[in-house]
């Protein structure tokens, strides 16, 4: 039984290493093209309903923070952008 467990653990470790290598290889080709695109943050909010007193200040705070982060160069060299969706429409 120990021998089977040892080979099973080795196979799992090898499988994980192959998966990590495949993911790393797949993302390299897109790194150059994605570097210029902003990271979009989706924001659903209520501008007129019951949640408006909570959602409006939260959105304003998020916009301020995004401006601060973008002023420092963004995240990984990419700027942030907030795309809003009013849930009352």
PDB file of N, CA and C in Angstrom:
ATOM      1  N   UNK A   1       0.811  -1.193   0.000  1.00  0.00           N
ATOM      2  CA  UNK A   1       0.000   0.000   0.000  1.00  0.00           C
ATOM      3  C   UNK A   1       0.854   1.258   0.000  1.00  0.00           C
ATOM      4  N   UNK A   2       1.979   1.250   0.702  1.00  0.00           N
ATOM      5  CA  UNK A   2       2.825   2.432   0.725  1.00  0.00           C
ATOM      6  C   UNK A   2       3.332   2.766  -0.670  1.00  0.00           C
ATOM      7  N   UNK A   3       3.639   1.753  -1.433  1.00  0.00           N
ATOM      8  CA  UNK A   3       4.174   1.975  -2.772  1.00  0.00           C
ATOM      9  C   UNK A   3       3.123   2.646  -3.657  1.00  0.00           C
ATOM     10  N   UNK A   4       1.871   2.219  -3.572  1.00  0.00           N
ATOM     11  CA  UNK A   4       0.797   2.819  -4.358  1.00  0.00           C
ATOM     12  C   UNK A   4       0.583   4.268  -3.940  1.00  0.00           C
ATOM     13  N   UNK A   5       0.593   4.535  -2.649  1.00  0.00           N
ATOM     14  CA  UNK A   5       0.405   5.897  -2.147  1.00  0.00           C
ATOM     15  C   UNK A   5       1.542   6.799  -2.604  1.00  0.00           C
ATOM     16  N   UNK A   6       2.755   6.292  -2.568  1.00  0.00           N
ATOM     17  CA  UNK A   6       3.918   7.074  -2.981  1.00  0.00           C
ATOM     18  C   UNK A   6       3.817   7.433  -4.459  1.00  0.00           C
ATOM     19  N   UNK A   7       3.465   6.469  -5.304  1.00  0.00           N
ATOM     20  CA  UNK A   7       3.332   6.741  -6.741  1.00  0.00           C
ATOM     21  C   UNK A   7       2.153   7.668  -7.019  1.00  0.00           C
ATOM     22  N   UNK A   8       1.083   7.517  -6.249  1.00  0.00           N
ATOM     23  CA  UNK A   8      -0.071   8.408  -6.416  1.00  0.00           C
ATOM     24  C   UNK A   8       0.287   9.847  -6.081  1.00  0.00           C
ATOM     25  N   UNK A   9       1.040  10.031  -5.008  1.00  0.00           N
ATOM     26  CA  UNK A   9       1.478  11.377  -4.624  1.00  0.00           C
ATOM     27  C   UNK A   9       2.414  11.978  -5.650  1.00  0.00           C
ATOM     28  N   UNK A  10       3.315  11.149  -6.181  1.00  0.00           N
ATOM     29  CA  UNK A  10       4.242  11.613  -7.213  1.00  0.00           C
ATOM     30  C   UNK A  10       3.489  11.988  -8.482  1.00  0.00           C
ATOM     31  N   UNK A  11       2.501  11.190  -8.850  1.00  0.00           N
ATOM     32  CA  UNK A  11       1.702  11.490 -10.041  1.00  0.00           C
ATOM     33  C   UNK A  11       0.911  12.785  -9.856  1.00  0.00           C
ATOM     34  N   UNK A  12       0.367  13.001  -8.667  1.00  0.00           N
ATOM     35  CA  UNK A  12      -0.378  14.232  -8.394  1.00  0.00           C
ATOM     36  C   UNK A  12       0.539  15.448  -8.456  1.00  0.00           C
ATOM     37  N   UNK A  13       1.736  15.325  -7.905  1.00  0.00           N
ATOM     38  CA  UNK A  13       2.704  16.416  -7.940  1.00  0.00           C
ATOM     39  C   UNK A  13       3.126  16.725  -9.368  1.00  0.00           C
ATOM     40  N   UNK A  14       3.362  15.698 -10.154  1.00  0.00           N
ATOM     41  CA  UNK A  14       3.737  15.882 -11.552  1.00  0.00           C
ATOM     42  C   UNK A  14       2.598  16.529 -12.334  1.00  0.00           C
ATOM     43  N   UNK A  15       1.374  16.095 -12.076  1.00  0.00           N
ATOM     44  CA  UNK A  15       0.213  16.686 -12.749  1.00  0.00           C
ATOM     45  C   UNK A  15       0.056  18.158 -12.413  1.00  0.00           C
ATOM     46  N   UNK A  16       0.273  18.507 -11.153  1.00  0.00           N
ATOM     47  CA  UNK A  16       0.171  19.910 -10.744  1.00  0.00           C
ATOM     48  C   UNK A  16       1.253  20.749 -11.410  1.00  0.00           C
ATOM     49  N   UNK A  17       2.464  20.202 -11.510  1.00  0.00           N
ATOM     50  CA  UNK A  17       3.556  20.933 -12.159  1.00  0.00           C
ATOM     51  C   UNK A  17       3.265  21.165 -13.636  1.00  0.00           C
ATOM     52  N   UNK A  18       2.717  20.163 -14.307  1.00  0.00           N
ATOM     53  CA  UNK A  18       2.362  20.307 -15.721  1.00  0.00           C
ATOM     54  C   UNK A  18       1.262  21.354 -15.887  1.00  0.00           C
ATOM     55  N   UNK A  19       0.278  21.354 -15.000  1.00  0.00           N
ATOM     56  CA  UNK A  19      -0.815  22.331 -15.080  1.00  0.00           C
ATOM     57  C   UNK A  19      -0.296  23.751 -14.886  1.00  0.00           C
ATOM     58  N   UNK A  20       0.584  23.952 -13.922  1.00  0.00           N
ATOM     59  CA  UNK A  20       1.152  25.284 -13.683  1.00  0.00           C
ATOM     60  C   UNK A  20       1.966  25.738 -14.889  1.00  0.00           C
ATOM     61  N   UNK A  21       2.752  24.839 -15.464  1.00  0.00           N
ATOM     62  CA  UNK A  21       3.549  25.190 -16.641  1.00  0.00           C
ATOM     63  C   UNK A  21       2.660  25.538 -17.827  1.00  0.00           C
ATOM     64  N   UNK A  22       1.572  24.811 -18.003  1.00  0.00           N
ATOM     65  CA  UNK A  22       0.656  25.085 -19.115  1.00  0.00           C
ATOM     66  C   UNK A  22      -0.014  26.439 -18.949  1.00  0.00           C
ATOM     67  N   UNK A  23      -0.428  26.755 -17.737  1.00  0.00           N
ATOM     68  CA  UNK A  23      -1.070  28.049 -17.485  1.00  0.00           C
ATOM     69  C   UNK A  23      -0.070  29.181 -17.692  1.00  0.00           C
ATOM     70  N   UNK A  24       1.139  29.015 -17.193  1.00  0.00           N
ATOM     71  CA  UNK A  24       2.155  30.055 -17.351  1.00  0.00           C
ATOM     72  C   UNK A  24       2.485  30.270 -18.822  1.00  0.00           C
ATOM     73  N   UNK A  25       2.577  29.209 -19.589  1.00  0.00           N
ATOM     74  CA  UNK A  25       2.860  29.330 -21.015  1.00  0.00           C
ATOM     75  C   UNK A  25       1.726  29.973 -21.782  1.00  0.00           C
ATOM     76  N   UNK A  26       0.504  29.684 -21.391  1.00  0.00           N
ATOM     77  CA  UNK A  26      -0.656  30.237 -22.097  1.00  0.00           C
ATOM     78  C   UNK A  26      -0.813  31.726 -21.843  1.00  0.00           C
ATOM     79  N   UNK A  27      -0.428  32.199 -20.672  1.00  0.00           N
ATOM     80  CA  UNK A  27      -0.623  33.613 -20.353  1.00  0.00           C
ATOM     81  C   UNK A  27       0.488  34.499 -20.894  1.00  0.00           C
ATOM     82  N   UNK A  28       1.613  33.962 -21.250  1.00  0.00           N
ATOM     83  CA  UNK A  28       2.724  34.774 -21.746  1.00  0.00           C
ATOM     84  C   UNK A  28       2.395  35.482 -23.043  1.00  0.00           C
ATOM     85  N   UNK A  29       1.705  34.835 -23.932  1.00  0.00           N
ATOM     86  CA  UNK A  29       1.392  35.432 -25.221  1.00  0.00           C
ATOM     87  C   UNK A  29       0.444  36.606 -25.115  1.00  0.00           C
ATOM     88  N   UNK A  30      -0.380  36.640 -24.098  1.00  0.00           N
ATOM     89  CA  UNK A  30      -1.364  37.705 -23.939  1.00  0.00           C
ATOM     90  C   UNK A  30      -0.845  38.859 -23.101  1.00  0.00           C
ATOM     91  N   UNK A  31       0.270  38.692 -22.442  1.00  0.00           N
ATOM     92  CA  UNK A  31       0.756  39.719 -21.529  1.00  0.00           C
ATOM     93  C   UNK A  31       1.036  41.030 -22.244  1.00  0.00           C
ATOM     94  N   UNK A  32       1.630  40.967 -23.414  1.00  0.00           N
ATOM     95  CA  UNK A  32       1.977  42.192 -24.128  1.00  0.00           C
ATOM     96  C   UNK A  32       0.737  42.924 -24.623  1.00  0.00           C
ATOM     97  N   UNK A  33      -0.256  42.197 -25.104  1.00  0.00           N
ATOM     98  CA  UNK A  33      -1.450  42.858 -25.630  1.00  0.00           C
ATOM     99  C   UNK A  33      -2.358  43.356 -24.524  1.00  0.00           C
ATOM    100  N   UNK A  34      -2.404  42.678 -23.384  1.00  0.00           N
ATOM    101  CA  UNK A  34      -3.267  43.090 -22.285  1.00  0.00           C
ATOM    102  C   UNK A  34      -2.664  44.222 -21.458  1.00  0.00           C
ATOM    103  N   UNK A  35      -1.365  44.477 -21.610  1.00  0.00           N
ATOM    104  CA  UNK A  35      -0.703  45.481 -20.788  1.00  0.00           C
ATOM    105  C   UNK A  35      -1.301  46.865 -20.988  1.00  0.00           C
ATOM    106  N   UNK A  36      -1.804  47.159 -22.140  1.00  0.00           N
ATOM    107  CA  UNK A  36      -2.342  48.486 -22.424  1.00  0.00           C
ATOM    108  C   UNK A  36      -3.825  48.609 -22.081  1.00  0.00           C
ATOM    109  N   UNK A  37      -4.534  47.515 -22.017  1.00  0.00           N
ATOM    110  CA  UNK A  37      -5.968  47.555 -21.734  1.00  0.00           C
ATOM    111  C   UNK A  37      -6.203  47.781 -20.245  1.00  0.00           C
ATOM    112  N   UNK A  38      -7.219  48.582 -19.896  1.00  0.00           N
ATOM    113  CA  UNK A  38      -7.499  48.779 -18.471  1.00  0.00           C
ATOM    114  C   UNK A  38      -8.163  47.541 -17.861  1.00  0.00           C
ATOM    115  N   UNK A  39      -8.038  47.423 -16.571  1.00  0.00           N
ATOM    116  CA  UNK A  39      -8.751  46.395 -15.825  1.00  0.00           C
ATOM    117  C   UNK A  39     -10.120  46.979 -15.499  1.00  0.00           C
ATOM    118  N   UNK A  40     -11.169  46.362 -15.991  1.00  0.00           N
ATOM    119  CA  UNK A  40     -12.521  46.890 -15.820  1.00  0.00           C
ATOM    120  C   UNK A  40     -13.167  46.273 -14.584  1.00  0.00           C
ATOM    121  N   UNK A  41     -13.706  47.137 -13.735  1.00  0.00           N
ATOM    122  CA  UNK A  41     -14.413  46.712 -12.533  1.00  0.00           C
ATOM    123  C   UNK A  41     -15.892  46.981 -12.765  1.00  0.00           C
ATOM    124  N   UNK A  42     -16.700  45.948 -12.740  1.00  0.00           N
ATOM    125  CA  UNK A  42     -18.138  46.113 -12.903  1.00  0.00           C
ATOM    126  C   UNK A  42     -18.775  46.558 -11.596  1.00  0.00           C
ATOM    127  N   UNK A  43     -19.677  47.539 -11.682  1.00  0.00           N
ATOM    128  CA  UNK A  43     -20.293  48.081 -10.473  1.00  0.00           C
ATOM    129  C   UNK A  43     -21.788  48.234 -10.697  1.00  0.00           C
ATOM    130  N   UNK A  44     -22.584  47.393 -10.075  1.00  0.00           N
ATOM    131  CA  UNK A  44     -24.046  47.506 -10.129  1.00  0.00           C
ATOM    132  C   UNK A  44     -24.484  48.308  -8.912  1.00  0.00           C
ATOM    133  N   UNK A  45     -25.262  49.354  -9.153  1.00  0.00           N
ATOM    134  CA  UNK A  45     -25.692  50.203  -8.047  1.00  0.00           C
ATOM    135  C   UNK A  45     -27.129  50.670  -8.258  1.00  0.00           C
ATOM    136  N   UNK A  46     -27.721  51.124  -7.182  1.00  0.00           N
ATOM    137  CA  UNK A  46     -29.098  51.615  -7.180  1.00  0.00           C
ATOM    138  C   UNK A  46     -29.039  53.129  -7.013  1.00  0.00           C
ATOM    139  N   UNK A  47     -29.417  53.879  -8.055  1.00  0.00           N
ATOM    140  CA  UNK A  47     -29.297  55.337  -7.984  1.00  0.00           C
ATOM    141  C   UNK A  47     -30.541  56.020  -7.428  1.00  0.00           C
ATOM    142  N   UNK A  48     -31.689  55.333  -7.442  1.00  0.00           N
ATOM    143  CA  UNK A  48     -32.935  55.991  -7.040  1.00  0.00           C
ATOM    144  C   UNK A  48     -33.734  55.221  -5.992  1.00  0.00           C
ATOM    145  N   UNK A  49     -33.439  53.969  -5.791  1.00  0.00           N
ATOM    146  CA  UNK A  49     -34.249  53.132  -4.909  1.00  0.00           C
ATOM    147  C   UNK A  49     -33.795  53.158  -3.463  1.00  0.00           C
ATOM    148  N   UNK A  50     -34.175  52.116  -2.743  1.00  0.00           N
ATOM    149  CA  UNK A  50     -33.896  52.024  -1.312  1.00  0.00           C
ATOM    150  C   UNK A  50     -32.410  51.951  -0.993  1.00  0.00           C
ATOM    151  N   UNK A  51     -31.627  51.409  -1.900  1.00  0.00           N
ATOM    152  CA  UNK A  51     -30.197  51.247  -1.640  1.00  0.00           C
ATOM    153  C   UNK A  51     -29.368  52.464  -2.045  1.00  0.00           C
ATOM    154  N   UNK A  52     -29.988  53.465  -2.663  1.00  0.00           N
ATOM    155  CA  UNK A  52     -29.261  54.649  -3.129  1.00  0.00           C
ATOM    156  C   UNK A  52     -28.454  55.339  -2.025  1.00  0.00           C
ATOM    157  N   UNK A  53     -28.990  55.482  -0.801  1.00  0.00           N
ATOM    158  CA  UNK A  53     -28.188  56.139   0.239  1.00  0.00           C
ATOM    159  C   UNK A  53     -26.896  55.396   0.575  1.00  0.00           C
ATOM    160  N   UNK A  54     -26.839  54.111   0.265  1.00  0.00           N
ATOM    161  CA  UNK A  54     -25.643  53.322   0.543  1.00  0.00           C
ATOM    162  C   UNK A  54     -24.771  53.176  -0.701  1.00  0.00           C
ATOM    163  N   UNK A  55     -25.404  52.994  -1.851  1.00  0.00           N
ATOM    164  CA  UNK A  55     -24.662  52.731  -3.081  1.00  0.00           C
ATOM    165  C   UNK A  55     -23.961  53.967  -3.635  1.00  0.00           C
ATOM    166  N   UNK A  56     -24.598  55.138  -3.560  1.00  0.00           N
ATOM    167  CA  UNK A  56     -23.987  56.352  -4.108  1.00  0.00           C
ATOM    168  C   UNK A  56     -22.666  56.701  -3.418  1.00  0.00           C
ATOM    169  N   UNK A  57     -22.603  56.724  -2.080  1.00  0.00           N
ATOM    170  CA  UNK A  57     -21.319  57.015  -1.432  1.00  0.00           C
ATOM    171  C   UNK A  57     -20.258  55.943  -1.698  1.00  0.00           C
ATOM    172  N   UNK A  58     -20.681  54.693  -1.781  1.00  0.00           N
ATOM    173  CA  UNK A  58     -19.723  53.617  -2.047  1.00  0.00           C
ATOM    174  C   UNK A  58     -19.119  53.767  -3.440  1.00  0.00           C
ATOM    175  N   UNK A  59     -19.948  54.120  -4.416  1.00  0.00           N
ATOM    176  CA  UNK A  59     -19.451  54.330  -5.778  1.00  0.00           C
ATOM    177  C   UNK A  59     -18.514  55.533  -5.824  1.00  0.00           C
ATOM    178  N   UNK A  60     -18.869  56.606  -5.131  1.00  0.00           N
ATOM    179  CA  UNK A  60     -18.000  57.787  -5.092  1.00  0.00           C
ATOM    180  C   UNK A  60     -16.643  57.443  -4.479  1.00  0.00           C
ATOM    181  N   UNK A  61     -16.649  56.658  -3.406  1.00  0.00           N
ATOM    182  CA  UNK A  61     -15.399  56.247  -2.762  1.00  0.00           C
ATOM    183  C   UNK A  61     -14.574  55.363  -3.684  1.00  0.00           C
ATOM    184  N   UNK A  62     -15.226  54.461  -4.399  1.00  0.00           N
ATOM    185  CA  UNK A  62     -14.510  53.587  -5.328  1.00  0.00           C
ATOM    186  C   UNK A  62     -13.872  54.399  -6.446  1.00  0.00           C
ATOM    187  N   UNK A  63     -14.586  55.399  -6.957  1.00  0.00           N
ATOM    188  CA  UNK A  63     -14.028  56.248  -8.024  1.00  0.00           C
ATOM    189  C   UNK A  63     -12.803  57.021  -7.529  1.00  0.00           C
ATOM    190  N   UNK A  64     -12.865  57.513  -6.297  1.00  0.00           N
ATOM    191  CA  UNK A  64     -11.711  58.220  -5.725  1.00  0.00           C
ATOM    192  C   UNK A  64     -10.521  57.284  -5.608  1.00  0.00           C
ATOM    193  N   UNK A  65     -10.774  56.082  -5.116  1.00  0.00           N
ATOM    194  CA  UNK A  65      -9.679  55.111  -4.933  1.00  0.00           C
ATOM    195  C   UNK A  65      -9.085  54.693  -6.273  1.00  0.00           C
ATOM    196  N   UNK A  66      -9.923  54.506  -7.280  1.00  0.00           N
ATOM    197  CA  UNK A  66      -9.427  54.141  -8.611  1.00  0.00           C
ATOM    198  C   UNK A  66      -8.538  55.258  -9.151  1.00  0.00           C
ATOM    199  N   UNK A  67      -8.930  56.519  -8.939  1.00  0.00           N
ATOM    200  CA  UNK A  67      -8.098  57.652  -9.372  1.00  0.00           C
ATOM    201  C   UNK A  67      -6.741  57.621  -8.681  1.00  0.00           C
ATOM    202  N   UNK A  68      -6.741  57.330  -7.379  1.00  0.00           N
ATOM    203  CA  UNK A  68      -5.495  57.268  -6.620  1.00  0.00           C
ATOM    204  C   UNK A  68      -4.591  56.153  -7.133  1.00  0.00           C
ATOM    205  N   UNK A  69      -5.168  54.990  -7.383  1.00  0.00           N
ATOM    206  CA  UNK A  69      -4.387  53.846  -7.867  1.00  0.00           C
ATOM    207  C   UNK A  69      -3.845  54.131  -9.258  1.00  0.00           C
ATOM    208  N   UNK A  70      -4.668  54.704 -10.127  1.00  0.00           N
ATOM    209  CA  UNK A  70      -4.223  55.019 -11.485  1.00  0.00           C
ATOM    210  C   UNK A  70      -3.125  56.074 -11.481  1.00  0.00           C
ATOM    211  N   UNK A  71      -3.182  57.026 -10.540  1.00  0.00           N
ATOM    212  CA  UNK A  71      -2.147  58.057 -10.441  1.00  0.00           C
ATOM    213  C   UNK A  71      -0.790  57.457 -10.088  1.00  0.00           C
ATOM    214  N   UNK A  72      -0.808  56.304  -9.420  1.00  0.00           N
ATOM    215  CA  UNK A  72       0.433  55.620  -9.048  1.00  0.00           C
ATOM    216  C   UNK A  72       0.866  54.592 -10.088  1.00  0.00           C
ATOM    217  N   UNK A  73       0.200  54.569 -11.233  1.00  0.00           N
ATOM    218  CA  UNK A  73       0.601  53.644 -12.291  1.00  0.00           C
ATOM    219  C   UNK A  73      -0.315  52.461 -12.471  1.00  0.00           C
ATOM    220  N   UNK A  74      -1.375  52.380 -11.698  1.00  0.00           N
ATOM    221  CA  UNK A  74      -2.331  51.287 -11.862  1.00  0.00           C
ATOM    222  C   UNK A  74      -1.908  50.024 -11.144  1.00  0.00           C
ATOM    223  N   UNK A  75      -2.405  48.908 -11.633  1.00  0.00           N
ATOM    224  CA  UNK A  75      -2.107  47.592 -11.067  1.00  0.00           C
ATOM    225  C   UNK A  75      -1.329  46.810 -12.111  1.00  0.00           C
ATOM    226  N   UNK A  76      -0.089  46.524 -11.810  1.00  0.00           N
ATOM    227  CA  UNK A  76       0.742  45.810 -12.772  1.00  0.00           C
ATOM    228  C   UNK A  76       0.920  46.593 -14.067  1.00  0.00           C
ATOM    229  N   UNK A  77       0.914  47.917 -13.978  1.00  0.00           N
ATOM    230  CA  UNK A  77       1.079  48.749 -15.160  1.00  0.00           C
ATOM    231  C   UNK A  77      -0.201  48.996 -15.939  1.00  0.00           C
ATOM    232  N   UNK A  78      -1.299  48.438 -15.479  1.00  0.00           N
ATOM    233  CA  UNK A  78      -2.595  48.626 -16.156  1.00  0.00           C
ATOM    234  C   UNK A  78      -3.488  49.518 -15.312  1.00  0.00           C
ATOM    235  N   UNK A  79      -4.144  50.462 -15.950  1.00  0.00           N
ATOM    236  CA  UNK A  79      -5.073  51.343 -15.241  1.00  0.00           C
ATOM    237  C   UNK A  79      -6.370  50.609 -14.932  1.00  0.00           C
ATOM    238  N   UNK A  80      -7.084  51.118 -13.946  1.00  0.00           N
ATOM    239  CA  UNK A  80      -8.384  50.577 -13.569  1.00  0.00           C
ATOM    240  C   UNK A  80      -9.478  51.453 -14.166  1.00  0.00           C
ATOM    241  N   UNK A  81     -10.600  50.858 -14.473  1.00  0.00           N
ATOM    242  CA  UNK A  81     -11.768  51.581 -14.965  1.00  0.00           C
ATOM    243  C   UNK A  81     -13.003  50.960 -14.331  1.00  0.00           C
ATOM    244  N   UNK A  82     -13.943  51.809 -13.927  1.00  0.00           N
ATOM    245  CA  UNK A  82     -15.195  51.325 -13.345  1.00  0.00           C
ATOM    246  C   UNK A  82     -16.283  51.455 -14.396  1.00  0.00           C
ATOM    247  N   UNK A  83     -16.950  50.356 -14.680  1.00  0.00           N
ATOM    248  CA  UNK A  83     -18.096  50.365 -15.588  1.00  0.00           C
ATOM    249  C   UNK A  83     -19.337  50.162 -14.729  1.00  0.00           C
ATOM    250  N   UNK A  84     -20.234  51.156 -14.751  1.00  0.00           N
ATOM    251  CA  UNK A  84     -21.395  51.114 -13.867  1.00  0.00           C
ATOM    252  C   UNK A  84     -22.650  50.625 -14.581  1.00  0.00           C
ATOM    253  N   UNK A  85     -23.550  50.087 -13.776  1.00  0.00           N
ATOM    254  CA  UNK A  85     -24.851  49.630 -14.260  1.00  0.00           C
ATOM    255  C   UNK A  85     -25.874  49.962 -13.180  1.00  0.00           C
ATOM    256  N   UNK A  86     -26.815  50.842 -13.507  1.00  0.00           N
ATOM    257  CA  UNK A  86     -27.855  51.225 -12.560  1.00  0.00           C
ATOM    258  C   UNK A  86     -28.915  50.125 -12.529  1.00  0.00           C
ATOM    259  N   UNK A  87     -29.150  49.555 -11.368  1.00  0.00           N
ATOM    260  CA  UNK A  87     -30.105  48.449 -11.253  1.00  0.00           C
ATOM    261  C   UNK A  87     -31.550  48.910 -11.378  1.00  0.00           C
ATOM    262  N   UNK A  88     -31.799  50.210 -11.387  1.00  0.00           N
ATOM    263  CA  UNK A  88     -33.158  50.736 -11.511  1.00  0.00           C
ATOM    264  C   UNK A  88     -33.574  50.944 -12.961  1.00  0.00           C
ATOM    265  N   UNK A  89     -32.689  50.758 -13.898  1.00  0.00           N
ATOM    266  CA  UNK A  89     -33.016  50.931 -15.327  1.00  0.00           C
ATOM    267  C   UNK A  89     -33.433  49.633 -15.954  1.00  0.00           C
TER     268      UNK A  89
END
